[in-house]
Amino acid sequence: MSVSAGQSVPEEVIHALGYQNTDDFLRIQARQALEQKISYYQSRVDFYEQKYGMGLDEFHQRAINSSDPELSKFSVVEKENDDFAWDDALDFVRIYADNLRRVRP
């Protein structure tokens, strides 16, 4: 049996995949997609924390000081780019985690 574009997946296909119903399938798939997104963005956060040896809040406090011995080895442009990407990654982790909590287990 084939499903043409624009048609929903027949319930028997969902059952054949081992799911009780379409709602279970969608919930489980949504959870998996959200968990993958969280994992990806958390790995970005971990990268920046390891790169700079600190969390973003401390980075913000110390980046202001141009003579900070730990941060002076990085260019201003690199720190600014990383700051934006790091902040975005943290936002996405929070957003996707909130969405994950809204999906029933």
PDB file of N, CA and C in Angstrom:
ATOM      1  N   MET A   1       0.841  -1.167   0.000  1.00  0.00           N
ATOM      2  CA  MET A   1       0.000   0.000   0.000  1.00  0.00           C
ATOM      3  C   MET A   1       0.892   1.238   0.000  1.00  0.00           C
ATOM      4  N   SER A   2       0.629   2.166  -0.863  1.00  0.00           N
ATOM      5  CA  SER A   2       1.396   3.399  -0.896  1.00  0.00           C
ATOM      6  C   SER A   2       0.514   4.560  -0.469  1.00  0.00           C
ATOM      7  N   VAL A   3       1.177   5.574   0.052  1.00  0.00           N
ATOM      8  CA  VAL A   3       0.459   6.762   0.497  1.00  0.00           C
ATOM      9  C   VAL A   3       0.913   7.905  -0.397  1.00  0.00           C
ATOM     10  N   SER A   4      -0.029   8.565  -1.052  1.00  0.00           N
ATOM     11  CA  SER A   4       0.339   9.675  -1.931  1.00  0.00           C
ATOM     12  C   SER A   4       0.541  10.948  -1.116  1.00  0.00           C
ATOM     13  N   ALA A   5       1.263  11.874  -1.710  1.00  0.00           N
ATOM     14  CA  ALA A   5       1.533  13.151  -1.043  1.00  0.00           C
ATOM     15  C   ALA A   5       0.221  13.835  -0.699  1.00  0.00           C
ATOM     16  N   GLY A   6       0.169  14.417   0.476  1.00  0.00           N
ATOM     17  CA  GLY A   6      -1.028  15.125   0.904  1.00  0.00           C
ATOM     18  C   GLY A   6      -2.011  14.244   1.653  1.00  0.00           C
ATOM     19  N   GLN A   7      -1.819  12.938   1.600  1.00  0.00           N
ATOM     20  CA  GLN A   7      -2.690  12.018   2.331  1.00  0.00           C
ATOM     21  C   GLN A   7      -2.075  11.724   3.684  1.00  0.00           C
ATOM     22  N   SER A   8      -2.912  11.524   4.675  1.00  0.00           N
ATOM     23  CA  SER A   8      -2.376  11.148   5.977  1.00  0.00           C
ATOM     24  C   SER A   8      -1.997   9.670   5.952  1.00  0.00           C
ATOM     25  N   VAL A   9      -1.162   9.286   6.887  1.00  0.00           N
ATOM     26  CA  VAL A   9      -0.723   7.895   6.985  1.00  0.00           C
ATOM     27  C   VAL A   9      -1.882   7.068   7.530  1.00  0.00           C
ATOM     28  N   PRO A  10      -2.249   6.006   6.844  1.00  0.00           N
ATOM     29  CA  PRO A  10      -3.354   5.168   7.322  1.00  0.00           C
ATOM     30  C   PRO A  10      -3.042   4.563   8.696  1.00  0.00           C
ATOM     31  N   GLU A  11      -4.060   4.421   9.497  1.00  0.00           N
ATOM     32  CA  GLU A  11      -3.925   3.886  10.850  1.00  0.00           C
ATOM     33  C   GLU A  11      -3.242   2.509  10.852  1.00  0.00           C
ATOM     34  N   GLU A  12      -3.516   1.681   9.837  1.00  0.00           N
ATOM     35  CA  GLU A  12      -2.908   0.340   9.827  1.00  0.00           C
ATOM     36  C   GLU A  12      -1.390   0.403   9.648  1.00  0.00           C
ATOM     37  N   VAL A  13      -0.889   1.449   8.990  1.00  0.00           N
ATOM     38  CA  VAL A  13       0.568   1.621   8.880  1.00  0.00           C
ATOM     39  C   VAL A  13       1.150   1.960  10.245  1.00  0.00           C
ATOM     40  N   ILE A  14       0.469   2.815  10.968  1.00  0.00           N
ATOM     41  CA  ILE A  14       0.893   3.179  12.328  1.00  0.00           C
ATOM     42  C   ILE A  14       0.913   1.932  13.220  1.00  0.00           C
ATOM     43  N   HIS A  15      -0.114   1.114  13.123  1.00  0.00           N
ATOM     44  CA  HIS A  15      -0.182  -0.130  13.900  1.00  0.00           C
ATOM     45  C   HIS A  15       0.938  -1.084  13.490  1.00  0.00           C
ATOM     46  N   ALA A  16       1.206  -1.181  12.188  1.00  0.00           N
ATOM     47  CA  ALA A  16       2.261  -2.072  11.695  1.00  0.00           C
ATOM     48  C   ALA A  16       3.638  -1.654  12.214  1.00  0.00           C
ATOM     49  N   LEU A  17       3.794  -0.382  12.496  1.00  0.00           N
ATOM     50  CA  LEU A  17       5.055   0.107  13.064  1.00  0.00           C
ATOM     51  C   LEU A  17       5.151  -0.141  14.570  1.00  0.00           C
ATOM     52  N   GLY A  18       4.069  -0.673  15.152  1.00  0.00           N
ATOM     53  CA  GLY A  18       4.090  -1.018  16.567  1.00  0.00           C
ATOM     54  C   GLY A  18       3.476   0.009  17.495  1.00  0.00           C
ATOM     55  N   TYR A  19       2.832   1.009  16.951  1.00  0.00           N
ATOM     56  CA  TYR A  19       2.197   2.039  17.773  1.00  0.00           C
ATOM     57  C   TYR A  19       0.719   1.714  17.947  1.00  0.00           C
ATOM     58  N   GLN A  20       0.167   2.133  19.081  1.00  0.00           N
ATOM     59  CA  GLN A  20      -1.244   1.884  19.367  1.00  0.00           C
ATOM     60  C   GLN A  20      -2.172   2.699  18.472  1.00  0.00           C
ATOM     61  N   ASN A  21      -1.778   3.950  18.230  1.00  0.00           N
ATOM     62  CA  ASN A  21      -2.615   4.837  17.422  1.00  0.00           C
ATOM     63  C   ASN A  21      -1.771   6.011  16.918  1.00  0.00           C
ATOM     64  N   THR A  22      -2.376   6.832  16.101  1.00  0.00           N
ATOM     65  CA  THR A  22      -1.669   7.958  15.507  1.00  0.00           C
ATOM     66  C   THR A  22      -1.171   8.935  16.571  1.00  0.00           C
ATOM     67  N   ASP A  23      -1.963   9.157  17.608  1.00  0.00           N
ATOM     68  CA  ASP A  23      -1.561  10.069  18.677  1.00  0.00           C
ATOM     69  C   ASP A  23      -0.290   9.577  19.363  1.00  0.00           C
ATOM     70  N   ASP A  24      -0.218   8.273  19.663  1.00  0.00           N
ATOM     71  CA  ASP A  24       0.992   7.718  20.270  1.00  0.00           C
ATOM     72  C   ASP A  24       2.199   7.903  19.352  1.00  0.00           C
ATOM     73  N   PHE A  25       1.988   7.612  18.077  1.00  0.00           N
ATOM     74  CA  PHE A  25       3.065   7.768  17.094  1.00  0.00           C
ATOM     75  C   PHE A  25       3.569   9.211  17.065  1.00  0.00           C
ATOM     76  N   LEU A  26       2.662  10.149  16.945  1.00  0.00           N
ATOM     77  CA  LEU A  26       3.047  11.560  16.879  1.00  0.00           C
ATOM     78  C   LEU A  26       3.737  12.024  18.154  1.00  0.00           C
ATOM     79  N   ARG A  27       3.212  11.609  19.294  1.00  0.00           N
ATOM     80  CA  ARG A  27       3.806  12.004  20.569  1.00  0.00           C
ATOM     81  C   ARG A  27       5.232  11.462  20.695  1.00  0.00           C
ATOM     82  N   ILE A  28       5.413  10.196  20.383  1.00  0.00           N
ATOM     83  CA  ILE A  28       6.734   9.576  20.506  1.00  0.00           C
ATOM     84  C   ILE A  28       7.709  10.188  19.509  1.00  0.00           C
ATOM     85  N   GLN A  29       7.261  10.401  18.283  1.00  0.00           N
ATOM     86  CA  GLN A  29       8.131  11.012  17.280  1.00  0.00           C
ATOM     87  C   GLN A  29       8.486  12.453  17.658  1.00  0.00           C
ATOM     88  N   ALA A  30       7.529  13.189  18.178  1.00  0.00           N
ATOM     89  CA  ALA A  30       7.790  14.564  18.611  1.00  0.00           C
ATOM     90  C   ALA A  30       8.798  14.573  19.758  1.00  0.00           C
ATOM     91  N   ARG A  31       8.632  13.658  20.714  1.00  0.00           N
ATOM     92  CA  ARG A  31       9.586  13.570  21.831  1.00  0.00           C
ATOM     93  C   ARG A  31      10.994  13.274  21.315  1.00  0.00           C
ATOM     94  N   GLN A  32      11.099  12.330  20.384  1.00  0.00           N
ATOM     95  CA  GLN A  32      12.410  11.979  19.839  1.00  0.00           C
ATOM     96  C   GLN A  32      13.046  13.159  19.104  1.00  0.00           C
ATOM     97  N   ALA A  33      12.253  13.869  18.318  1.00  0.00           N
ATOM     98  CA  ALA A  33      12.773  15.029  17.592  1.00  0.00           C
ATOM     99  C   ALA A  33      13.231  16.120  18.564  1.00  0.00           C
ATOM    100  N   LEU A  34      12.440  16.363  19.600  1.00  0.00           N
ATOM    101  CA  LEU A  34      12.809  17.375  20.597  1.00  0.00           C
ATOM    102  C   LEU A  34      14.060  16.962  21.364  1.00  0.00           C
ATOM    103  N   GLU A  35      14.156  15.700  21.722  1.00  0.00           N
ATOM    104  CA  GLU A  35      15.347  15.207  22.436  1.00  0.00           C
ATOM    105  C   GLU A  35      16.596  15.345  21.578  1.00  0.00           C
ATOM    106  N   GLN A  36      16.476  15.104  20.274  1.00  0.00           N
ATOM    107  CA  GLN A  36      17.615  15.281  19.367  1.00  0.00           C
ATOM    108  C   GLN A  36      18.036  16.744  19.295  1.00  0.00           C
ATOM    109  N   LYS A  37      17.053  17.632  19.217  1.00  0.00           N
ATOM    110  CA  LYS A  37      17.355  19.068  19.176  1.00  0.00           C
ATOM    111  C   LYS A  37      18.036  19.511  20.472  1.00  0.00           C
ATOM    112  N   ILE A  38      17.511  19.056  21.603  1.00  0.00           N
ATOM    113  CA  ILE A  38      18.109  19.411  22.895  1.00  0.00           C
ATOM    114  C   ILE A  38      19.545  18.909  22.960  1.00  0.00           C
ATOM    115  N   SER A  39      19.752  17.683  22.536  1.00  0.00           N
ATOM    116  CA  SER A  39      21.094  17.100  22.556  1.00  0.00           C
ATOM    117  C   SER A  39      22.068  17.901  21.698  1.00  0.00           C
ATOM    118  N   TYR A  40      21.628  18.281  20.511  1.00  0.00           N
ATOM    119  CA  TYR A  40      22.489  19.056  19.622  1.00  0.00           C
ATOM    120  C   TYR A  40      22.863  20.402  20.252  1.00  0.00           C
ATOM    121  N   TYR A  41      21.867  21.146  20.696  1.00  0.00           N
ATOM    122  CA  TYR A  41      22.147  22.471  21.242  1.00  0.00           C
ATOM    123  C   TYR A  41      22.887  22.395  22.571  1.00  0.00           C
ATOM    124  N   GLN A  42      22.641  21.355  23.358  1.00  0.00           N
ATOM    125  CA  GLN A  42      23.393  21.186  24.596  1.00  0.00           C
ATOM    126  C   GLN A  42      24.864  20.899  24.279  1.00  0.00           C
ATOM    127  N   SER A  43      25.118  20.176  23.193  1.00  0.00           N
ATOM    128  CA  SER A  43      26.515  19.924  22.798  1.00  0.00           C
ATOM    129  C   SER A  43      27.203  21.220  22.396  1.00  0.00           C
ATOM    130  N   ARG A  44      26.457  22.153  21.805  1.00  0.00           N
ATOM    131  CA  ARG A  44      27.024  23.464  21.468  1.00  0.00           C
ATOM    132  C   ARG A  44      27.347  24.243  22.752  1.00  0.00           C
ATOM    133  N   VAL A  45      26.434  24.215  23.715  1.00  0.00           N
ATOM    134  CA  VAL A  45      26.676  24.875  25.005  1.00  0.00           C
ATOM    135  C   VAL A  45      27.919  24.268  25.659  1.00  0.00           C
ATOM    136  N   ASP A  46      27.996  22.943  25.672  1.00  0.00           N
ATOM    137  CA  ASP A  46      29.146  22.255  26.277  1.00  0.00           C
ATOM    138  C   ASP A  46      30.448  22.646  25.581  1.00  0.00           C
ATOM    139  N   PHE A  47      30.396  22.778  24.257  1.00  0.00           N
ATOM    140  CA  PHE A  47      31.583  23.179  23.493  1.00  0.00           C
ATOM    141  C   PHE A  47      32.100  24.538  23.966  1.00  0.00           C
ATOM    142  N   TYR A  48      31.198  25.521  24.052  1.00  0.00           N
ATOM    143  CA  TYR A  48      31.625  26.862  24.462  1.00  0.00           C
ATOM    144  C   TYR A  48      32.082  26.889  25.917  1.00  0.00           C
ATOM    145  N   GLU A  49      31.421  26.140  26.781  1.00  0.00           N
ATOM    146  CA  GLU A  49      31.860  26.083  28.174  1.00  0.00           C
ATOM    147  C   GLU A  49      33.257  25.483  28.281  1.00  0.00           C
ATOM    148  N   GLN A  50      33.528  24.483  27.469  1.00  0.00           N
ATOM    149  CA  GLN A  50      34.867  23.876  27.484  1.00  0.00           C
ATOM    150  C   GLN A  50      35.894  24.815  26.852  1.00  0.00           C
ATOM    151  N   LYS A  51      35.516  25.444  25.755  1.00  0.00           N
ATOM    152  CA  LYS A  51      36.425  26.351  25.059  1.00  0.00           C
ATOM    153  C   LYS A  51      36.896  27.478  25.974  1.00  0.00           C
ATOM    154  N   TYR A  52      35.951  28.064  26.701  1.00  0.00           N
ATOM    155  CA  TYR A  52      36.279  29.218  27.537  1.00  0.00           C
ATOM    156  C   TYR A  52      36.501  28.855  29.004  1.00  0.00           C
ATOM    157  N   GLY A  53      36.177  27.644  29.389  1.00  0.00           N
ATOM    158  CA  GLY A  53      36.401  27.208  30.772  1.00  0.00           C
ATOM    159  C   GLY A  53      35.465  27.853  31.774  1.00  0.00           C
ATOM    160  N   MET A  54      34.262  28.220  31.320  1.00  0.00           N
ATOM    161  CA  MET A  54      33.308  28.895  32.203  1.00  0.00           C
ATOM    162  C   MET A  54      31.925  28.865  31.572  1.00  0.00           C
ATOM    163  N   GLY A  55      30.928  29.231  32.361  1.00  0.00           N
ATOM    164  CA  GLY A  55      29.568  29.363  31.853  1.00  0.00           C
ATOM    165  C   GLY A  55      29.375  30.717  31.195  1.00  0.00           C
ATOM    166  N   LEU A  56      28.247  30.872  30.539  1.00  0.00           N
ATOM    167  CA  LEU A  56      27.987  32.104  29.794  1.00  0.00           C
ATOM    168  C   LEU A  56      27.891  33.330  30.702  1.00  0.00           C
ATOM    169  N   ASP A  57      27.293  33.192  31.869  1.00  0.00           N
ATOM    170  CA  ASP A  57      27.190  34.352  32.775  1.00  0.00           C
ATOM    171  C   ASP A  57      28.574  34.858  33.173  1.00  0.00           C
ATOM    172  N   GLU A  58      29.453  33.945  33.546  1.00  0.00           N
ATOM    173  CA  GLU A  58      30.825  34.353  33.901  1.00  0.00           C
ATOM    174  C   GLU A  58      31.533  34.935  32.684  1.00  0.00           C
ATOM    175  N   PHE A  59      31.320  34.332  31.536  1.00  0.00           N
ATOM    176  CA  PHE A  59      31.915  34.841  30.293  1.00  0.00           C
ATOM    177  C   PHE A  59      31.499  36.293  30.068  1.00  0.00           C
ATOM    178  N   HIS A  60      30.198  36.583  30.245  1.00  0.00           N
ATOM    179  CA  HIS A  60      29.715  37.952  30.062  1.00  0.00           C
ATOM    180  C   HIS A  60      30.409  38.919  31.024  1.00  0.00           C
ATOM    181  N   GLN A  61      30.583  38.510  32.252  1.00  0.00           N
ATOM    182  CA  GLN A  61      31.219  39.376  33.249  1.00  0.00           C
ATOM    183  C   GLN A  61      32.692  39.606  32.925  1.00  0.00           C
ATOM    184  N   ARG A  62      33.368  38.561  32.488  1.00  0.00           N
ATOM    185  CA  ARG A  62      34.811  38.662  32.263  1.00  0.00           C
ATOM    186  C   ARG A  62      35.170  39.202  30.888  1.00  0.00           C
ATOM    187  N   ALA A  63      34.307  39.048  29.899  1.00  0.00           N
ATOM    188  CA  ALA A  63      34.613  39.494  28.538  1.00  0.00           C
ATOM    189  C   ALA A  63      34.731  41.007  28.449  1.00  0.00           C
ATOM    190  N   ILE A  64      34.138  41.704  29.393  1.00  0.00           N
ATOM    191  CA  ILE A  64      34.209  43.168  29.428  1.00  0.00           C
ATOM    192  C   ILE A  64      35.642  43.638  29.660  1.00  0.00           C
ATOM    193  N   ASN A  65      36.393  42.857  30.430  1.00  0.00           N
ATOM    194  CA  ASN A  65      37.774  43.197  30.780  1.00  0.00           C
ATOM    195  C   ASN A  65      38.710  42.720  29.670  1.00  0.00           C
ATOM    196  N   SER A  66      39.222  43.636  28.862  1.00  0.00           N
ATOM    197  CA  SER A  66      40.086  43.270  27.733  1.00  0.00           C
ATOM    198  C   SER A  66      41.427  42.703  28.177  1.00  0.00           C
ATOM    199  N   SER A  67      41.773  42.883  29.446  1.00  0.00           N
ATOM    200  CA  SER A  67      43.053  42.354  29.932  1.00  0.00           C
ATOM    201  C   SER A  67      42.886  41.029  30.677  1.00  0.00           C
ATOM    202  N   ASP A  68      41.698  40.437  30.636  1.00  0.00           N
ATOM    203  CA  ASP A  68      41.467  39.140  31.279  1.00  0.00           C
ATOM    204  C   ASP A  68      42.422  38.121  30.657  1.00  0.00           C
ATOM    205  N   PRO A  69      43.287  37.515  31.471  1.00  0.00           N
ATOM    206  CA  PRO A  69      44.315  36.616  30.916  1.00  0.00           C
ATOM    207  C   PRO A  69      43.743  35.392  30.193  1.00  0.00           C
ATOM    208  N   GLU A  70      42.632  34.920  30.642  1.00  0.00           N
ATOM    209  CA  GLU A  70      42.024  33.730  30.031  1.00  0.00           C
ATOM    210  C   GLU A  70      41.355  34.058  28.706  1.00  0.00           C
ATOM    211  N   LEU A  71      40.720  35.208  28.628  1.00  0.00           N
ATOM    212  CA  LEU A  71      39.957  35.566  27.434  1.00  0.00           C
ATOM    213  C   LEU A  71      40.740  36.405  26.435  1.00  0.00           C
ATOM    214  N   SER A  72      41.877  36.959  26.837  1.00  0.00           N
ATOM    215  CA  SER A  72      42.637  37.825  25.936  1.00  0.00           C
ATOM    216  C   SER A  72      43.238  37.058  24.758  1.00  0.00           C
ATOM    217  N   LYS A  73      43.310  35.744  24.857  1.00  0.00           N
ATOM    218  CA  LYS A  73      43.869  34.957  23.742  1.00  0.00           C
ATOM    219  C   LYS A  73      42.872  34.792  22.588  1.00  0.00           C
ATOM    220  N   PHE A  74      41.636  35.225  22.808  1.00  0.00           N
ATOM    221  CA  PHE A  74      40.608  35.154  21.765  1.00  0.00           C
ATOM    222  C   PHE A  74      40.349  36.556  21.223  1.00  0.00           C
ATOM    223  N   SER A  75      40.116  36.657  19.918  1.00  0.00           N
ATOM    224  CA  SER A  75      39.857  37.972  19.323  1.00  0.00           C
ATOM    225  C   SER A  75      38.475  38.475  19.748  1.00  0.00           C
ATOM    226  N   VAL A  76      38.281  39.767  19.624  1.00  0.00           N
ATOM    227  CA  VAL A  76      37.002  40.385  19.962  1.00  0.00           C
ATOM    228  C   VAL A  76      35.896  39.819  19.079  1.00  0.00           C
ATOM    229  N   VAL A  77      36.182  39.681  17.804  1.00  0.00           N
ATOM    230  CA  VAL A  77      35.183  39.164  16.866  1.00  0.00           C
ATOM    231  C   VAL A  77      34.818  37.721  17.226  1.00  0.00           C
ATOM    232  N   GLU A  78      35.817  36.905  17.540  1.00  0.00           N
ATOM    233  CA  GLU A  78      35.548  35.511  17.914  1.00  0.00           C
ATOM    234  C   GLU A  78      34.682  35.440  19.164  1.00  0.00           C
ATOM    235  N   LYS A  79      35.003  36.253  20.159  1.00  0.00           N
ATOM    236  CA  LYS A  79      34.213  36.263  21.391  1.00  0.00           C
ATOM    237  C   LYS A  79      32.783  36.742  21.133  1.00  0.00           C
ATOM    238  N   GLU A  80      32.623  37.747  20.299  1.00  0.00           N
ATOM    239  CA  GLU A  80      31.275  38.230  19.989  1.00  0.00           C
ATOM    240  C   GLU A  80      30.463  37.174  19.245  1.00  0.00           C
ATOM    241  N   ASN A  81      31.074  36.554  18.241  1.00  0.00           N
ATOM    242  CA  ASN A  81      30.379  35.503  17.493  1.00  0.00           C
ATOM    243  C   ASN A  81      30.001  34.338  18.402  1.00  0.00           C
ATOM    244  N   ASP A  82      30.940  33.917  19.229  1.00  0.00           N
ATOM    245  CA  ASP A  82      30.674  32.813  20.149  1.00  0.00           C
ATOM    246  C   ASP A  82      29.606  33.194  21.167  1.00  0.00           C
ATOM    247  N   ASP A  83      29.636  34.435  21.626  1.00  0.00           N
ATOM    248  CA  ASP A  83      28.640  34.902  22.593  1.00  0.00           C
ATOM    249  C   ASP A  83      27.233  34.764  22.014  1.00  0.00           C
ATOM    250  N   PHE A  84      27.045  35.207  20.777  1.00  0.00           N
ATOM    251  CA  PHE A  84      25.718  35.111  20.144  1.00  0.00           C
ATOM    252  C   PHE A  84      25.302  33.656  19.953  1.00  0.00           C
ATOM    253  N   ALA A  85      26.214  32.835  19.440  1.00  0.00           N
ATOM    254  CA  ALA A  85      25.891  31.421  19.180  1.00  0.00           C
ATOM    255  C   ALA A  85      25.629  30.677  20.484  1.00  0.00           C
ATOM    256  N   TRP A  86      26.403  30.967  21.512  1.00  0.00           N
ATOM    257  CA  TRP A  86      26.266  30.335  22.827  1.00  0.00           C
ATOM    258  C   TRP A  86      24.920  30.703  23.441  1.00  0.00           C
ATOM    259  N   ASP A  87      24.598  31.988  23.396  1.00  0.00           N
ATOM    260  CA  ASP A  87      23.333  32.466  23.940  1.00  0.00           C
ATOM    261  C   ASP A  87      22.150  31.838  23.193  1.00  0.00           C
ATOM    262  N   ASP A  88      22.253  31.775  21.869  1.00  0.00           N
ATOM    263  CA  ASP A  88      21.198  31.134  21.070  1.00  0.00           C
ATOM    264  C   ASP A  88      21.042  29.663  21.442  1.00  0.00           C
ATOM    265  N   ALA A  89      22.163  28.958  21.585  1.00  0.00           N
ATOM    266  CA  ALA A  89      22.111  27.532  21.937  1.00  0.00           C
ATOM    267  C   ALA A  89      21.413  27.330  23.278  1.00  0.00           C
ATOM    268  N   LEU A  90      21.722  28.171  24.256  1.00  0.00           N
ATOM    269  CA  LEU A  90      21.048  28.076  25.555  1.00  0.00           C
ATOM    270  C   LEU A  90      19.549  28.342  25.422  1.00  0.00           C
ATOM    271  N   ASP A  91      19.194  29.334  24.606  1.00  0.00           N
ATOM    272  CA  ASP A  91      17.775  29.627  24.377  1.00  0.00           C
ATOM    273  C   ASP A  91      17.071  28.424  23.752  1.00  0.00           C
ATOM    274  N   PHE A  92      17.692  27.814  22.746  1.00  0.00           N
ATOM    275  CA  PHE A  92      17.070  26.664  22.093  1.00  0.00           C
ATOM    276  C   PHE A  92      16.936  25.481  23.044  1.00  0.00           C
ATOM    277  N   VAL A  93      17.925  25.259  23.902  1.00  0.00           N
ATOM    278  CA  VAL A  93      17.815  24.177  24.894  1.00  0.00           C
ATOM    279  C   VAL A  93      16.597  24.433  25.775  1.00  0.00           C
ATOM    280  N   ARG A  94      16.429  25.657  26.237  1.00  0.00           N
ATOM    281  CA  ARG A  94      15.280  25.990  27.088  1.00  0.00           C
ATOM    282  C   ARG A  94      13.953  25.842  26.336  1.00  0.00           C
ATOM    283  N   ILE A  95      13.905  26.341  25.123  1.00  0.00           N
ATOM    284  CA  ILE A  95      12.668  26.280  24.326  1.00  0.00           C
ATOM    285  C   ILE A  95      12.270  24.837  24.066  1.00  0.00           C
ATOM    286  N   TYR A  96      13.219  24.037  23.592  1.00  0.00           N
ATOM    287  CA  TYR A  96      12.900  22.642  23.274  1.00  0.00           C
ATOM    288  C   TYR A  96      12.596  21.839  24.532  1.00  0.00           C
ATOM    289  N   ALA A  97      13.265  22.139  25.644  1.00  0.00           N
ATOM    290  CA  ALA A  97      12.966  21.445  26.906  1.00  0.00           C
ATOM    291  C   ALA A  97      11.554  21.795  27.377  1.00  0.00           C
ATOM    292  N   ASP A  98      11.159  23.052  27.231  1.00  0.00           N
ATOM    293  CA  ASP A  98       9.787  23.444  27.582  1.00  0.00           C
ATOM    294  C   ASP A  98       8.778  22.706  26.713  1.00  0.00           C
ATOM    295  N   ASN A  99       9.062  22.629  25.414  1.00  0.00           N
ATOM    296  CA  ASN A  99       8.177  21.902  24.517  1.00  0.00           C
ATOM    297  C   ASN A  99       8.116  20.420  24.874  1.00  0.00           C
ATOM    298  N   LEU A 100       9.235  19.852  25.242  1.00  0.00           N
ATOM    299  CA  LEU A 100       9.289  18.444  25.618  1.00  0.00           C
ATOM    300  C   LEU A 100       8.419  18.176  26.846  1.00  0.00           C
ATOM    301  N   ARG A 101       8.439  19.083  27.811  1.00  0.00           N
ATOM    302  CA  ARG A 101       7.596  18.920  29.009  1.00  0.00           C
ATOM    303  C   ARG A 101       6.116  18.979  28.662  1.00  0.00           C
ATOM    304  N   ARG A 102       5.777  19.661  27.572  1.00  0.00           N
ATOM    305  CA  ARG A 102       4.373  19.790  27.174  1.00  0.00           C
ATOM    306  C   ARG A 102       3.862  18.549  26.442  1.00  0.00           C
ATOM    307  N   VAL A 103       4.789  17.736  25.937  1.00  0.00           N
ATOM    308  CA  VAL A 103       4.382  16.508  25.252  1.00  0.00           C
ATOM    309  C   VAL A 103       4.197  15.419  26.300  1.00  0.00           C
ATOM    310  N   ARG A 104       3.015  14.836  26.321  1.00  0.00           N
ATOM    311  CA  ARG A 104       2.739  13.797  27.318  1.00  0.00           C
ATOM    312  C   ARG A 104       3.729  12.655  27.196  1.00  0.00           C
ATOM    313  N   PRO A 105       4.124  12.052  28.309  1.00  0.00           N
ATOM    314  CA  PRO A 105       5.047  10.902  28.250  1.00  0.00           C
ATOM    315  C   PRO A 105       4.426   9.699  27.593  1.00  0.00           C
TER     316      PRO A 105
END
